[in-house]
Amino acid sequence: QDIALVLMDMARIQDGESPKDPTG
């Protein structure tokens, strides 16, 4: 679960967005 969420946030960052939950 944690790896999946990190991968999703990595994709967002690469696309110029911020993670939905930066602290998380």
PDB file of all heavy atoms in Angstrom:
ATOM      1  N   GLN A   1       0.818  -1.208   0.000  1.00  0.00           N
ATOM      2  CA  GLN A   1       0.000   0.000   0.000  1.00  0.00           C
ATOM      3  C   GLN A   1       0.858   1.267   0.000  1.00  0.00           C
ATOM      4  O   GLN A   1       0.651   2.175  -0.797  1.00  0.00           O
ATOM      5  CB  GLN A   1      -0.925   0.008   1.229  1.00  0.00           C
ATOM      6  CG  GLN A   1      -1.814   1.229   1.362  1.00  0.00           C
ATOM      7  CD  GLN A   1      -2.989   1.197   0.394  1.00  0.00           C
ATOM      8  OE1 GLN A   1      -3.339   0.139  -0.110  1.00  0.00           O
ATOM      9  NE2 GLN A   1      -3.588   2.357   0.121  1.00  0.00           N
ATOM     10  N   ASP A   2       1.851   1.324   0.895  1.00  0.00           N
ATOM     11  CA  ASP A   2       2.696   2.519   0.980  1.00  0.00           C
ATOM     12  C   ASP A   2       3.476   2.740  -0.311  1.00  0.00           C
ATOM     13  O   ASP A   2       3.609   3.872  -0.792  1.00  0.00           O
ATOM     14  CB  ASP A   2       3.672   2.399   2.161  1.00  0.00           C
ATOM     15  CG  ASP A   2       3.013   2.704   3.490  1.00  0.00           C
ATOM     16  OD1 ASP A   2       1.841   3.111   3.476  1.00  0.00           O
ATOM     17  OD2 ASP A   2       3.671   2.533   4.538  1.00  0.00           O
ATOM     18  N   ILE A   3       4.005   1.659  -0.876  1.00  0.00           N
ATOM     19  CA  ILE A   3       4.771   1.787  -2.118  1.00  0.00           C
ATOM     20  C   ILE A   3       3.872   2.292  -3.240  1.00  0.00           C
ATOM     21  O   ILE A   3       4.275   3.155  -4.036  1.00  0.00           O
ATOM     22  CB  ILE A   3       5.410   0.435  -2.500  1.00  0.00           C
ATOM     23  CG1 ILE A   3       6.428   0.015  -1.445  1.00  0.00           C
ATOM     24  CG2 ILE A   3       6.082   0.523  -3.873  1.00  0.00           C
ATOM     25  CD1 ILE A   3       7.033  -1.360  -1.678  1.00  0.00           C
ATOM     26  N   ALA A   4       2.645   1.793  -3.316  1.00  0.00           N
ATOM     27  CA  ALA A   4       1.704   2.222  -4.361  1.00  0.00           C
ATOM     28  C   ALA A   4       1.408   3.715  -4.239  1.00  0.00           C
ATOM     29  O   ALA A   4       1.400   4.442  -5.250  1.00  0.00           O
ATOM     30  CB  ALA A   4       0.412   1.419  -4.272  1.00  0.00           C
ATOM     31  N   LEU A   5       1.177   4.172  -3.019  1.00  0.00           N
ATOM     32  CA  LEU A   5       0.869   5.589  -2.824  1.00  0.00           C
ATOM     33  C   LEU A   5       2.080   6.467  -3.132  1.00  0.00           C
ATOM     34  O   LEU A   5       1.943   7.569  -3.687  1.00  0.00           O
ATOM     35  CB  LEU A   5       0.388   5.822  -1.388  1.00  0.00           C
ATOM     36  CG  LEU A   5      -0.974   5.197  -1.045  1.00  0.00           C
ATOM     37  CD1 LEU A   5      -1.274   5.349   0.448  1.00  0.00           C
ATOM     38  CD2 LEU A   5      -2.086   5.832  -1.867  1.00  0.00           C
ATOM     39  N   VAL A   6       3.273   5.990  -2.766  1.00  0.00           N
ATOM     40  CA  VAL A   6       4.486   6.745  -3.080  1.00  0.00           C
ATOM     41  C   VAL A   6       4.687   6.819  -4.592  1.00  0.00           C
ATOM     42  O   VAL A   6       5.053   7.872  -5.131  1.00  0.00           O
ATOM     43  CB  VAL A   6       5.714   6.116  -2.387  1.00  0.00           C
ATOM     44  CG1 VAL A   6       7.012   6.688  -2.961  1.00  0.00           C
ATOM     45  CG2 VAL A   6       5.661   6.368  -0.887  1.00  0.00           C
ATOM     46  N   LEU A   7       4.458   5.719  -5.304  1.00  0.00           N
ATOM     47  CA  LEU A   7       4.580   5.730  -6.765  1.00  0.00           C
ATOM     48  C   LEU A   7       3.609   6.734  -7.389  1.00  0.00           C
ATOM     49  O   LEU A   7       3.963   7.465  -8.330  1.00  0.00           O
ATOM     50  CB  LEU A   7       4.312   4.331  -7.330  1.00  0.00           C
ATOM     51  CG  LEU A   7       5.429   3.301  -7.168  1.00  0.00           C
ATOM     52  CD1 LEU A   7       4.950   1.927  -7.626  1.00  0.00           C
ATOM     53  CD2 LEU A   7       6.660   3.717  -7.967  1.00  0.00           C
ATOM     54  N   MET A   8       2.392   6.786  -6.859  1.00  0.00           N
ATOM     55  CA  MET A   8       1.401   7.726  -7.389  1.00  0.00           C
ATOM     56  C   MET A   8       1.853   9.165  -7.157  1.00  0.00           C
ATOM     57  O   MET A   8       1.748  10.021  -8.058  1.00  0.00           O
ATOM     58  CB  MET A   8       0.051   7.474  -6.711  1.00  0.00           C
ATOM     59  CG  MET A   8      -1.086   8.321  -7.283  1.00  0.00           C
ATOM     60  SD  MET A   8      -1.449   7.888  -8.996  1.00  0.00           S
ATOM     61  CE  MET A   8      -2.604   9.187  -9.422  1.00  0.00           C
ATOM     62  N   ASP A   9       2.371   9.439  -5.955  1.00  0.00           N
ATOM     63  CA  ASP A   9       2.845  10.803  -5.669  1.00  0.00           C
ATOM     64  C   ASP A   9       4.083  11.144  -6.486  1.00  0.00           C
ATOM     65  O   ASP A   9       4.275  12.288  -6.906  1.00  0.00           O
ATOM     66  CB  ASP A   9       3.128  10.960  -4.177  1.00  0.00           C
ATOM     67  CG  ASP A   9       1.857  11.156  -3.362  1.00  0.00           C
ATOM     68  OD1 ASP A   9       0.873  11.656  -3.945  1.00  0.00           O
ATOM     69  OD2 ASP A   9       1.849  10.827  -2.170  1.00  0.00           O
ATOM     70  N   MET A  10       4.948  10.165  -6.722  1.00  0.00           N
ATOM     71  CA  MET A  10       6.103  10.397  -7.590  1.00  0.00           C
ATOM     72  C   MET A  10       5.649  10.800  -8.989  1.00  0.00           C
ATOM     73  O   MET A  10       6.221  11.713  -9.607  1.00  0.00           O
ATOM     74  CB  MET A  10       6.967   9.136  -7.669  1.00  0.00           C
ATOM     75  CG  MET A  10       7.837   8.880  -6.451  1.00  0.00           C
ATOM     76  SD  MET A  10       8.611   7.230  -6.503  1.00  0.00           S
ATOM     77  CE  MET A  10       9.344   7.230  -8.140  1.00  0.00           C
ATOM     78  N   ALA A  11       4.639  10.140  -9.487  1.00  0.00           N
ATOM     79  CA  ALA A  11       4.126  10.465 -10.822  1.00  0.00           C
ATOM     80  C   ALA A  11       3.558  11.874 -10.844  1.00  0.00           C
ATOM     81  O   ALA A  11       3.744  12.615 -11.822  1.00  0.00           O
ATOM     82  CB  ALA A  11       3.064   9.453 -11.230  1.00  0.00           C
ATOM     83  N   ARG A  12       2.881  12.260  -9.749  1.00  0.00           N
ATOM     84  CA  ARG A  12       2.340  13.625  -9.676  1.00  0.00           C
ATOM     85  C   ARG A  12       3.475  14.651  -9.684  1.00  0.00           C
ATOM     86  O   ARG A  12       3.413  15.672 -10.380  1.00  0.00           O
ATOM     87  CB  ARG A  12       1.502  13.791  -8.410  1.00  0.00           C
ATOM     88  CG  ARG A  12       0.170  13.052  -8.417  1.00  0.00           C
ATOM     89  CD  ARG A  12      -0.704  13.537  -7.265  1.00  0.00           C
ATOM     90  NE  ARG A  12      -1.990  12.849  -7.218  1.00  0.00           N
ATOM     91  CZ  ARG A  12      -2.308  11.904  -6.338  1.00  0.00           C
ATOM     92  NH1 ARG A  12      -1.420  11.531  -5.421  1.00  0.00           N
ATOM     93  NH2 ARG A  12      -3.493  11.323  -6.365  1.00  0.00           N
ATOM     94  N   ILE A  13       4.504  14.414  -8.887  1.00  0.00           N
ATOM     95  CA  ILE A  13       5.628  15.354  -8.801  1.00  0.00           C
ATOM     96  C   ILE A  13       6.305  15.496 -10.157  1.00  0.00           C
ATOM     97  O   ILE A  13       6.628  16.596 -10.605  1.00  0.00           O
ATOM     98  CB  ILE A  13       6.628  14.889  -7.732  1.00  0.00           C
ATOM     99  CG1 ILE A  13       5.996  14.993  -6.334  1.00  0.00           C
ATOM    100  CG2 ILE A  13       7.910  15.710  -7.792  1.00  0.00           C
ATOM    101  CD1 ILE A  13       6.796  14.332  -5.243  1.00  0.00           C
ATOM    102  N   GLN A  14       6.514  14.367 -10.842  1.00  0.00           N
ATOM    103  CA  GLN A  14       7.144  14.403 -12.164  1.00  0.00           C
ATOM    104  C   GLN A  14       6.303  15.185 -13.169  1.00  0.00           C
ATOM    105  O   GLN A  14       6.836  15.753 -14.122  1.00  0.00           O
ATOM    106  CB  GLN A  14       7.358  12.974 -12.685  1.00  0.00           C
ATOM    107  CG  GLN A  14       8.423  12.205 -11.931  1.00  0.00           C
ATOM    108  CD  GLN A  14       8.522  10.758 -12.387  1.00  0.00           C
ATOM    109  OE1 GLN A  14       9.572  10.163 -12.329  1.00  0.00           O
ATOM    110  NE2 GLN A  14       7.419  10.194 -12.836  1.00  0.00           N
ATOM    111  N   ASP A  15       5.002  15.222 -12.921  1.00  0.00           N
ATOM    112  CA  ASP A  15       4.093  15.916 -13.837  1.00  0.00           C
ATOM    113  C   ASP A  15       3.866  17.369 -13.433  1.00  0.00           C
ATOM    114  O   ASP A  15       3.022  18.049 -13.999  1.00  0.00           O
ATOM    115  CB  ASP A  15       2.746  15.178 -13.890  1.00  0.00           C
ATOM    116  CG  ASP A  15       2.105  15.255 -15.269  1.00  0.00           C
ATOM    117  OD1 ASP A  15       2.850  15.170 -16.262  1.00  0.00           O
ATOM    118  OD2 ASP A  15       0.876  15.405 -15.354  1.00  0.00           O
ATOM    119  N   GLY A  16       4.621  17.840 -12.419  1.00  0.00           N
ATOM    120  CA  GLY A  16       4.510  19.242 -12.025  1.00  0.00           C
ATOM    121  C   GLY A  16       3.498  19.514 -10.942  1.00  0.00           C
ATOM    122  O   GLY A  16       3.224  20.673 -10.626  1.00  0.00           O
ATOM    123  N   GLU A  17       2.921  18.471 -10.353  1.00  0.00           N
ATOM    124  CA  GLU A  17       1.940  18.656  -9.281  1.00  0.00           C
ATOM    125  C   GLU A  17       2.599  18.400  -7.926  1.00  0.00           C
ATOM    126  O   GLU A  17       3.730  17.919  -7.833  1.00  0.00           O
ATOM    127  CB  GLU A  17       0.774  17.683  -9.463  1.00  0.00           C
ATOM    128  CG  GLU A  17      -0.114  17.963 -10.652  1.00  0.00           C
ATOM    129  CD  GLU A  17      -1.351  17.080 -10.630  1.00  0.00           C
ATOM    130  OE1 GLU A  17      -2.194  17.273  -9.725  1.00  0.00           O
ATOM    131  OE2 GLU A  17      -1.466  16.205 -11.491  1.00  0.00           O
ATOM    132  N   SER A  18       1.848  18.703  -6.874  1.00  0.00           N
ATOM    133  CA  SER A  18       2.285  18.362  -5.520  1.00  0.00           C
ATOM    134  C   SER A  18       1.556  17.105  -5.078  1.00  0.00           C
ATOM    135  O   SER A  18       0.458  16.802  -5.573  1.00  0.00           O
ATOM    136  CB  SER A  18       1.963  19.503  -4.553  1.00  0.00           C
ATOM    137  OG  SER A  18       2.663  20.673  -4.911  1.00  0.00           O
ATOM    138  N   PRO A  19       2.131  16.338  -4.151  1.00  0.00           N
ATOM    139  CA  PRO A  19       1.397  15.193  -3.603  1.00  0.00           C
ATOM    140  C   PRO A  19       0.077  15.654  -2.985  1.00  0.00           C
ATOM    141  O   PRO A  19      -0.011  16.759  -2.447  1.00  0.00           O
ATOM    142  CB  PRO A  19       2.346  14.635  -2.538  1.00  0.00           C
ATOM    143  CG  PRO A  19       3.704  15.122  -2.944  1.00  0.00           C
ATOM    144  CD  PRO A  19       3.480  16.461  -3.576  1.00  0.00           C
ATOM    145  N   LYS A  20      -0.928  14.812  -3.065  1.00  0.00           N
ATOM    146  CA  LYS A  20      -2.223  15.161  -2.470  1.00  0.00           C
ATOM    147  C   LYS A  20      -2.078  15.405  -0.973  1.00  0.00           C
ATOM    148  O   LYS A  20      -2.710  16.278  -0.403  1.00  0.00           O
ATOM    149  CB  LYS A  20      -3.238  14.034  -2.723  1.00  0.00           C
ATOM    150  CG  LYS A  20      -3.644  13.860  -4.166  1.00  0.00           C
ATOM    151  CD  LYS A  20      -4.584  14.953  -4.614  1.00  0.00           C
ATOM    152  CE  LYS A  20      -5.111  14.688  -6.019  1.00  0.00           C
ATOM    153  NZ  LYS A  20      -5.977  15.764  -6.515  1.00  0.00           N
ATOM    154  N   ASP A  21      -1.224  14.584  -0.338  1.00  0.00           N
ATOM    155  CA  ASP A  21      -0.985  14.683   1.107  1.00  0.00           C
ATOM    156  C   ASP A  21       0.530  14.735   1.326  1.00  0.00           C
ATOM    157  O   ASP A  21       1.173  13.692   1.490  1.00  0.00           O
ATOM    158  CB  ASP A  21      -1.606  13.475   1.826  1.00  0.00           C
ATOM    159  CG  ASP A  21      -1.322  13.468   3.328  1.00  0.00           C
ATOM    160  OD1 ASP A  21      -0.807  14.496   3.842  1.00  0.00           O
ATOM    161  OD2 ASP A  21      -1.594  12.441   3.965  1.00  0.00           O
ATOM    162  N   PRO A  22       1.128  15.940   1.291  1.00  0.00           N
ATOM    163  CA  PRO A  22       2.593  16.026   1.411  1.00  0.00           C
ATOM    164  C   PRO A  22       3.146  15.380   2.672  1.00  0.00           C
ATOM    165  O   PRO A  22       4.192  14.727   2.640  1.00  0.00           O
ATOM    166  CB  PRO A  22       2.849  17.539   1.397  1.00  0.00           C
ATOM    167  CG  PRO A  22       1.676  18.120   0.673  1.00  0.00           C
ATOM    168  CD  PRO A  22       0.518  17.262   1.060  1.00  0.00           C
ATOM    169  N   THR A  23       2.454  15.560   3.806  1.00  0.00           N
ATOM    170  CA  THR A  23       2.936  14.963   5.056  1.00  0.00           C
ATOM    171  C   THR A  23       2.898  13.442   4.980  1.00  0.00           C
ATOM    172  O   THR A  23       3.849  12.754   5.364  1.00  0.00           O
ATOM    173  CB  THR A  23       2.085  15.457   6.243  1.00  0.00           C
ATOM    174  OG1 THR A  23       2.165  16.886   6.310  1.00  0.00           O
ATOM    175  CG2 THR A  23       2.583  14.852   7.547  1.00  0.00           C
ATOM    176  N   GLY A  24       1.789  12.916   4.463  1.00  0.00           N
ATOM    177  CA  GLY A  24       1.673  11.468   4.322  1.00  0.00           C
ATOM    178  C   GLY A  24       2.727  10.913   3.378  1.00  0.00           C
ATOM    179  O   GLY A  24       3.301   9.843   3.620  1.00  0.00           O
TER     180      GLY A  24
END
